[in-house]
Amino acid sequence: MKEKMVMSGAGEQCFQIILPLGCWKPEYGKKQGAKGWWLKRYQERIDTVLAGIAIGLMFLTGIWAFLAQLAEQL
């Protein structure tokens, strides 16, 4: 690891450890597009709708399996 001399807000100098980031980019300061804003704002509603869809599909699959077994017995 490398160290770099940094000026703090009070005018003091100190050493800060610099981690090698490689190809990783810092995420701060990055503007989100409309998609990111939309997902962040409506995340709870999206999760609720997806859970409802999953429960509904399981319910319909159970009904279909029951009807398929009933048809085999006839």
PDB file of N, CA and C in Angstrom:
ATOM      1  N   MET A   1       0.833  -1.172   0.000  1.00  0.00           N
ATOM      2  CA  MET A   1       0.000   0.000   0.000  1.00  0.00           C
ATOM      3  C   MET A   1       0.885   1.244   0.000  1.00  0.00           C
ATOM      4  N   LYS A   2       0.383   2.264  -0.607  1.00  0.00           N
ATOM      5  CA  LYS A   2       1.114   3.520  -0.685  1.00  0.00           C
ATOM      6  C   LYS A   2       0.516   4.517   0.287  1.00  0.00           C
ATOM      7  N   GLU A   3       1.311   5.506   0.641  1.00  0.00           N
ATOM      8  CA  GLU A   3       0.816   6.580   1.482  1.00  0.00           C
ATOM      9  C   GLU A   3       0.947   7.897   0.727  1.00  0.00           C
ATOM     10  N   LYS A   4       0.031   8.780   0.975  1.00  0.00           N
ATOM     11  CA  LYS A   4       0.017  10.064   0.302  1.00  0.00           C
ATOM     12  C   LYS A   4      -0.193  11.147   1.345  1.00  0.00           C
ATOM     13  N   MET A   5       0.549  12.248   1.239  1.00  0.00           N
ATOM     14  CA  MET A   5       0.385  13.336   2.174  1.00  0.00           C
ATOM     15  C   MET A   5      -0.839  14.157   1.753  1.00  0.00           C
ATOM     16  N   VAL A   6      -1.728  14.406   2.703  1.00  0.00           N
ATOM     17  CA  VAL A   6      -2.986  15.074   2.417  1.00  0.00           C
ATOM     18  C   VAL A   6      -3.123  16.257   3.361  1.00  0.00           C
ATOM     19  N   MET A   7      -3.666  17.362   2.844  1.00  0.00           N
ATOM     20  CA  MET A   7      -3.951  18.529   3.676  1.00  0.00           C
ATOM     21  C   MET A   7      -5.359  18.387   4.229  1.00  0.00           C
ATOM     22  N   SER A   8      -5.510  18.485   5.532  1.00  0.00           N
ATOM     23  CA  SER A   8      -6.838  18.409   6.126  1.00  0.00           C
ATOM     24  C   SER A   8      -7.483  19.790   6.092  1.00  0.00           C
ATOM     25  N   GLY A   9      -8.736  19.875   6.522  1.00  0.00           N
ATOM     26  CA  GLY A   9      -9.464  21.135   6.492  1.00  0.00           C
ATOM     27  C   GLY A   9      -8.858  22.194   7.388  1.00  0.00           C
ATOM     28  N   ALA A  10      -8.174  21.803   8.463  1.00  0.00           N
ATOM     29  CA  ALA A  10      -7.601  22.760   9.406  1.00  0.00           C
ATOM     30  C   ALA A  10      -6.204  23.193   8.995  1.00  0.00           C
ATOM     31  N   GLY A  11      -5.717  22.766   7.848  1.00  0.00           N
ATOM     32  CA  GLY A  11      -4.388  23.139   7.374  1.00  0.00           C
ATOM     33  C   GLY A  11      -3.296  22.210   7.857  1.00  0.00           C
ATOM     34  N   GLU A  12      -3.658  21.115   8.520  1.00  0.00           N
ATOM     35  CA  GLU A  12      -2.677  20.152   9.004  1.00  0.00           C
ATOM     36  C   GLU A  12      -2.352  19.160   7.903  1.00  0.00           C
ATOM     37  N   GLN A  13      -1.135  18.664   7.945  1.00  0.00           N
ATOM     38  CA  GLN A  13      -0.731  17.657   6.976  1.00  0.00           C
ATOM     39  C   GLN A  13      -0.703  16.300   7.662  1.00  0.00           C
ATOM     40  N   CYS A  14      -1.227  15.297   6.987  1.00  0.00           N
ATOM     41  CA  CYS A  14      -1.185  13.937   7.531  1.00  0.00           C
ATOM     42  C   CYS A  14      -1.044  12.961   6.375  1.00  0.00           C
ATOM     43  N   PHE A  15      -0.643  11.735   6.703  1.00  0.00           N
ATOM     44  CA  PHE A  15      -0.496  10.700   5.692  1.00  0.00           C
ATOM     45  C   PHE A  15      -1.767   9.870   5.617  1.00  0.00           C
ATOM     46  N   GLN A  16      -2.199   9.602   4.407  1.00  0.00           N
ATOM     47  CA  GLN A  16      -3.387   8.797   4.178  1.00  0.00           C
ATOM     48  C   GLN A  16      -2.988   7.578   3.363  1.00  0.00           C
ATOM     49  N   ILE A  17      -3.478   6.413   3.791  1.00  0.00           N
ATOM     50  CA  ILE A  17      -3.163   5.175   3.077  1.00  0.00           C
ATOM     51  C   ILE A  17      -4.019   5.106   1.823  1.00  0.00           C
ATOM     52  N   ILE A  18      -3.382   4.830   0.697  1.00  0.00           N
ATOM     53  CA  ILE A  18      -4.080   4.727  -0.582  1.00  0.00           C
ATOM     54  C   ILE A  18      -4.175   3.256  -0.953  1.00  0.00           C
ATOM     55  N   LEU A  19      -5.398   2.773  -1.116  1.00  0.00           N
ATOM     56  CA  LEU A  19      -5.609   1.390  -1.519  1.00  0.00           C
ATOM     57  C   LEU A  19      -5.576   1.290  -3.042  1.00  0.00           C
ATOM     58  N   PRO A  20      -4.949   0.265  -3.580  1.00  0.00           N
ATOM     59  CA  PRO A  20      -4.970   0.092  -5.029  1.00  0.00           C
ATOM     60  C   PRO A  20      -6.366  -0.318  -5.493  1.00  0.00           C
ATOM     61  N   LEU A  21      -7.000   0.504  -6.289  1.00  0.00           N
ATOM     62  CA  LEU A  21      -8.362   0.230  -6.727  1.00  0.00           C
ATOM     63  C   LEU A  21      -8.418  -0.610  -7.991  1.00  0.00           C
ATOM     64  N   GLY A  22      -7.346  -0.638  -8.741  1.00  0.00           N
ATOM     65  CA  GLY A  22      -7.364  -1.399  -9.985  1.00  0.00           C
ATOM     66  C   GLY A  22      -8.359  -0.802 -10.962  1.00  0.00           C
ATOM     67  N   CYS A  23      -9.299  -1.621 -11.424  1.00  0.00           N
ATOM     68  CA  CYS A  23     -10.276  -1.148 -12.393  1.00  0.00           C
ATOM     69  C   CYS A  23     -11.570  -0.685 -11.734  1.00  0.00           C
ATOM     70  N   TRP A  24     -11.627  -0.648 -10.417  1.00  0.00           N
ATOM     71  CA  TRP A  24     -12.829  -0.212  -9.723  1.00  0.00           C
ATOM     72  C   TRP A  24     -12.917   1.292  -9.782  1.00  0.00           C
ATOM     73  N   LYS A  25     -14.078   1.803 -10.100  1.00  0.00           N
ATOM     74  CA  LYS A  25     -14.295   3.240 -10.145  1.00  0.00           C
ATOM     75  C   LYS A  25     -15.017   3.673  -8.880  1.00  0.00           C
ATOM     76  N   PRO A  26     -14.716   4.839  -8.370  1.00  0.00           N
ATOM     77  CA  PRO A  26     -15.476   5.317  -7.216  1.00  0.00           C
ATOM     78  C   PRO A  26     -16.910   5.636  -7.607  1.00  0.00           C
ATOM     79  N   GLU A  27     -17.850   5.289  -6.734  1.00  0.00           N
ATOM     80  CA  GLU A  27     -19.269   5.442  -7.034  1.00  0.00           C
ATOM     81  C   GLU A  27     -19.814   6.809  -6.635  1.00  0.00           C
ATOM     82  N   TYR A  28     -19.134   7.498  -5.731  1.00  0.00           N
ATOM     83  CA  TYR A  28     -19.653   8.783  -5.286  1.00  0.00           C
ATOM     84  C   TYR A  28     -19.521   9.819  -6.394  1.00  0.00           C
ATOM     85  N   GLY A  29     -20.398  10.777  -6.396  1.00  0.00           N
ATOM     86  CA  GLY A  29     -20.346  11.837  -7.388  1.00  0.00           C
ATOM     87  C   GLY A  29     -20.936  11.443  -8.727  1.00  0.00           C
ATOM     88  N   LYS A  30     -21.404  10.228  -8.856  1.00  0.00           N
ATOM     89  CA  LYS A  30     -21.958   9.751 -10.118  1.00  0.00           C
ATOM     90  C   LYS A  30     -23.451  10.081 -10.166  1.00  0.00           C
ATOM     91  N   LYS A  31     -23.881  10.713 -11.208  1.00  0.00           N
ATOM     92  CA  LYS A  31     -25.302  11.035 -11.344  1.00  0.00           C
ATOM     93  C   LYS A  31     -26.064   9.791 -11.778  1.00  0.00           C
ATOM     94  N   GLN A  32     -27.214   9.591 -11.158  1.00  0.00           N
ATOM     95  CA  GLN A  32     -28.054   8.466 -11.544  1.00  0.00           C
ATOM     96  C   GLN A  32     -28.951   8.885 -12.694  1.00  0.00           C
ATOM     97  N   GLY A  33     -29.196   7.959 -13.578  1.00  0.00           N
ATOM     98  CA  GLY A  33     -30.117   8.217 -14.672  1.00  0.00           C
ATOM     99  C   GLY A  33     -31.549   8.074 -14.197  1.00  0.00           C
ATOM    100  N   ALA A  34     -32.454   8.168 -15.117  1.00  0.00           N
ATOM    101  CA  ALA A  34     -33.876   8.058 -14.793  1.00  0.00           C
ATOM    102  C   ALA A  34     -34.201   6.669 -14.242  1.00  0.00           C
ATOM    103  N   LYS A  35     -33.540   5.655 -14.767  1.00  0.00           N
ATOM    104  CA  LYS A  35     -33.788   4.283 -14.314  1.00  0.00           C
ATOM    105  C   LYS A  35     -33.378   4.116 -12.852  1.00  0.00           C
ATOM    106  N   GLY A  36     -32.203   4.602 -12.494  1.00  0.00           N
ATOM    107  CA  GLY A  36     -31.738   4.505 -11.114  1.00  0.00           C
ATOM    108  C   GLY A  36     -32.615   5.291 -10.160  1.00  0.00           C
ATOM    109  N   TRP A  37     -33.042   6.461 -10.567  1.00  0.00           N
ATOM    110  CA  TRP A  37     -33.919   7.290  -9.737  1.00  0.00           C
ATOM    111  C   TRP A  37     -35.253   6.593  -9.534  1.00  0.00           C
ATOM    112  N   TRP A  38     -35.800   6.039 -10.614  1.00  0.00           N
ATOM    113  CA  TRP A  38     -37.100   5.365 -10.559  1.00  0.00           C
ATOM    114  C   TRP A  38     -37.037   4.155  -9.641  1.00  0.00           C
ATOM    115  N   LEU A  39     -35.976   3.345  -9.773  1.00  0.00           N
ATOM    116  CA  LEU A  39     -35.836   2.160  -8.928  1.00  0.00           C
ATOM    117  C   LEU A  39     -35.664   2.537  -7.463  1.00  0.00           C
ATOM    118  N   LYS A  40     -34.892   3.569  -7.197  1.00  0.00           N
ATOM    119  CA  LYS A  40     -34.662   3.992  -5.818  1.00  0.00           C
ATOM    120  C   LYS A  40     -35.947   4.516  -5.186  1.00  0.00           C
ATOM    121  N   ARG A  41     -36.726   5.258  -5.950  1.00  0.00           N
ATOM    122  CA  ARG A  41     -37.939   5.870  -5.414  1.00  0.00           C
ATOM    123  C   ARG A  41     -39.049   4.845  -5.169  1.00  0.00           C
ATOM    124  N   TYR A  42     -39.217   3.894  -6.069  1.00  0.00           N
ATOM    125  CA  TYR A  42     -40.337   2.958  -6.011  1.00  0.00           C
ATOM    126  C   TYR A  42     -39.920   1.537  -5.622  1.00  0.00           C
ATOM    127  N   GLN A  43     -38.775   1.368  -4.964  1.00  0.00           N
ATOM    128  CA  GLN A  43     -38.265   0.034  -4.653  1.00  0.00           C
ATOM    129  C   GLN A  43     -39.238  -0.771  -3.792  1.00  0.00           C
ATOM    130  N   GLU A  44     -39.837  -0.164  -2.793  1.00  0.00           N
ATOM    131  CA  GLU A  44     -40.754  -0.894  -1.917  1.00  0.00           C
ATOM    132  C   GLU A  44     -41.994  -1.351  -2.677  1.00  0.00           C
ATOM    133  N   ARG A  45     -42.529  -0.504  -3.529  1.00  0.00           N
ATOM    134  CA  ARG A  45     -43.710  -0.883  -4.313  1.00  0.00           C
ATOM    135  C   ARG A  45     -43.372  -1.979  -5.317  1.00  0.00           C
ATOM    136  N   ILE A  46     -42.205  -1.885  -5.922  1.00  0.00           N
ATOM    137  CA  ILE A  46     -41.780  -2.909  -6.885  1.00  0.00           C
ATOM    138  C   ILE A  46     -41.650  -4.253  -6.182  1.00  0.00           C
ATOM    139  N   ASP A  47     -41.039  -4.263  -4.994  1.00  0.00           N
ATOM    140  CA  ASP A  47     -40.896  -5.513  -4.241  1.00  0.00           C
ATOM    141  C   ASP A  47     -42.251  -6.099  -3.875  1.00  0.00           C
ATOM    142  N   THR A  48     -43.191  -5.247  -3.479  1.00  0.00           N
ATOM    143  CA  THR A  48     -44.529  -5.714  -3.116  1.00  0.00           C
ATOM    144  C   THR A  48     -45.237  -6.333  -4.312  1.00  0.00           C
ATOM    145  N   VAL A  49     -45.146  -5.690  -5.460  1.00  0.00           N
ATOM    146  CA  VAL A  49     -45.792  -6.207  -6.670  1.00  0.00           C
ATOM    147  C   VAL A  49     -45.160  -7.527  -7.093  1.00  0.00           C
ATOM    148  N   LEU A  50     -43.840  -7.627  -7.052  1.00  0.00           N
ATOM    149  CA  LEU A  50     -43.175  -8.877  -7.422  1.00  0.00           C
ATOM    150  C   LEU A  50     -43.525 -10.010  -6.467  1.00  0.00           C
ATOM    151  N   ALA A  51     -43.624  -9.706  -5.171  1.00  0.00           N
ATOM    152  CA  ALA A  51     -44.034 -10.737  -4.209  1.00  0.00           C
ATOM    153  C   ALA A  51     -45.466 -11.177  -4.477  1.00  0.00           C
ATOM    154  N   GLY A  52     -46.353 -10.238  -4.786  1.00  0.00           N
ATOM    155  CA  GLY A  52     -47.735 -10.583  -5.112  1.00  0.00           C
ATOM    156  C   GLY A  52     -47.834 -11.443  -6.354  1.00  0.00           C
ATOM    157  N   ILE A  53     -47.050 -11.109  -7.359  1.00  0.00           N
ATOM    158  CA  ILE A  53     -47.045 -11.915  -8.584  1.00  0.00           C
ATOM    159  C   ILE A  53     -46.556 -13.331  -8.294  1.00  0.00           C
ATOM    160  N   ALA A  54     -45.491 -13.453  -7.481  1.00  0.00           N
ATOM    161  CA  ALA A  54     -44.959 -14.778  -7.154  1.00  0.00           C
ATOM    162  C   ALA A  54     -45.990 -15.610  -6.387  1.00  0.00           C
ATOM    163  N   ILE A  55     -46.660 -14.993  -5.419  1.00  0.00           N
ATOM    164  CA  ILE A  55     -47.682 -15.719  -4.652  1.00  0.00           C
ATOM    165  C   ILE A  55     -48.847 -16.115  -5.553  1.00  0.00           C
ATOM    166  N   GLY A  56     -49.274 -15.220  -6.436  1.00  0.00           N
ATOM    167  CA  GLY A  56     -50.354 -15.524  -7.369  1.00  0.00           C
ATOM    168  C   GLY A  56     -50.003 -16.665  -8.308  1.00  0.00           C
ATOM    169  N   LEU A  57     -48.776 -16.670  -8.804  1.00  0.00           N
ATOM    170  CA  LEU A  57     -48.353 -17.762  -9.692  1.00  0.00           C
ATOM    171  C   LEU A  57     -48.307 -19.097  -8.963  1.00  0.00           C
ATOM    172  N   MET A  58     -47.859 -19.096  -7.712  1.00  0.00           N
ATOM    173  CA  MET A  58     -47.862 -20.340  -6.940  1.00  0.00           C
ATOM    174  C   MET A  58     -49.289 -20.832  -6.708  1.00  0.00           C
ATOM    175  N   PHE A  59     -50.203 -19.915  -6.437  1.00  0.00           N
ATOM    176  CA  PHE A  59     -51.598 -20.281  -6.239  1.00  0.00           C
ATOM    177  C   PHE A  59     -52.189 -20.886  -7.509  1.00  0.00           C
ATOM    178  N   LEU A  60     -51.945 -20.246  -8.646  1.00  0.00           N
ATOM    179  CA  LEU A  60     -52.456 -20.767  -9.915  1.00  0.00           C
ATOM    180  C   LEU A  60     -51.824 -22.105 -10.281  1.00  0.00           C
ATOM    181  N   THR A  61     -50.550 -22.287  -9.958  1.00  0.00           N
ATOM    182  CA  THR A  61     -49.888 -23.576 -10.217  1.00  0.00           C
ATOM    183  C   THR A  61     -50.514 -24.676  -9.367  1.00  0.00           C
ATOM    184  N   GLY A  62     -50.848 -24.352  -8.115  1.00  0.00           N
ATOM    185  CA  GLY A  62     -51.512 -25.339  -7.248  1.00  0.00           C
ATOM    186  C   GLY A  62     -52.873 -25.726  -7.775  1.00  0.00           C
ATOM    187  N   ILE A  63     -53.638 -24.752  -8.250  1.00  0.00           N
ATOM    188  CA  ILE A  63     -54.958 -25.052  -8.829  1.00  0.00           C
ATOM    189  C   ILE A  63     -54.805 -25.917 -10.074  1.00  0.00           C
ATOM    190  N   TRP A  64     -53.841 -25.576 -10.919  1.00  0.00           N
ATOM    191  CA  TRP A  64     -53.615 -26.349 -12.141  1.00  0.00           C
ATOM    192  C   TRP A  64     -53.210 -27.779 -11.810  1.00  0.00           C
ATOM    193  N   ALA A  65     -52.333 -27.960 -10.822  1.00  0.00           N
ATOM    194  CA  ALA A  65     -51.915 -29.316 -10.440  1.00  0.00           C
ATOM    195  C   ALA A  65     -53.098 -30.110  -9.891  1.00  0.00           C
ATOM    196  N   PHE A  66     -53.936 -29.456  -9.092  1.00  0.00           N
ATOM    197  CA  PHE A  66     -55.118 -30.129  -8.546  1.00  0.00           C
ATOM    198  C   PHE A  66     -56.060 -30.558  -9.670  1.00  0.00           C
ATOM    199  N   LEU A  67     -56.307 -29.686 -10.625  1.00  0.00           N
ATOM    200  CA  LEU A  67     -57.194 -30.027 -11.744  1.00  0.00           C
ATOM    201  C   LEU A  67     -56.593 -31.115 -12.617  1.00  0.00           C
ATOM    202  N   ALA A  68     -55.281 -31.118 -12.793  1.00  0.00           N
ATOM    203  CA  ALA A  68     -54.643 -32.163 -13.578  1.00  0.00           C
ATOM    204  C   ALA A  68     -54.789 -33.523 -12.901  1.00  0.00           C
ATOM    205  N   GLN A  69     -54.616 -33.576 -11.580  1.00  0.00           N
ATOM    206  CA  GLN A  69     -54.806 -34.845 -10.847  1.00  0.00           C
ATOM    207  C   GLN A  69     -56.252 -35.297 -10.876  1.00  0.00           C
ATOM    208  N   LEU A  70     -57.164 -34.353 -10.785  1.00  0.00           N
ATOM    209  CA  LEU A  70     -58.594 -34.672 -10.841  1.00  0.00           C
ATOM    210  C   LEU A  70     -58.967 -35.230 -12.209  1.00  0.00           C
ATOM    211  N   ALA A  71     -58.404 -34.673 -13.270  1.00  0.00           N
ATOM    212  CA  ALA A  71     -58.693 -35.160 -14.620  1.00  0.00           C
ATOM    213  C   ALA A  71     -58.120 -36.563 -14.835  1.00  0.00           C
ATOM    214  N   GLU A  72     -56.985 -36.870 -14.210  1.00  0.00           N
ATOM    215  CA  GLU A  72     -56.404 -38.215 -14.359  1.00  0.00           C
ATOM    216  C   GLU A  72     -57.271 -39.274 -13.682  1.00  0.00           C
ATOM    217  N   GLN A  73     -57.938 -38.901 -12.619  1.00  0.00           N
ATOM    218  CA  GLN A  73     -58.774 -39.873 -11.888  1.00  0.00           C
ATOM    219  C   GLN A  73     -60.086 -40.150 -12.611  1.00  0.00           C
ATOM    220  N   LEU A  74     -60.517 -39.261 -13.436  1.00  0.00           N
ATOM    221  CA  LEU A  74     -61.790 -39.461 -14.152  1.00  0.00           C
ATOM    222  C   LEU A  74     -61.625 -40.331 -15.324  1.00  0.00           C
TER     223      LEU A  74
END
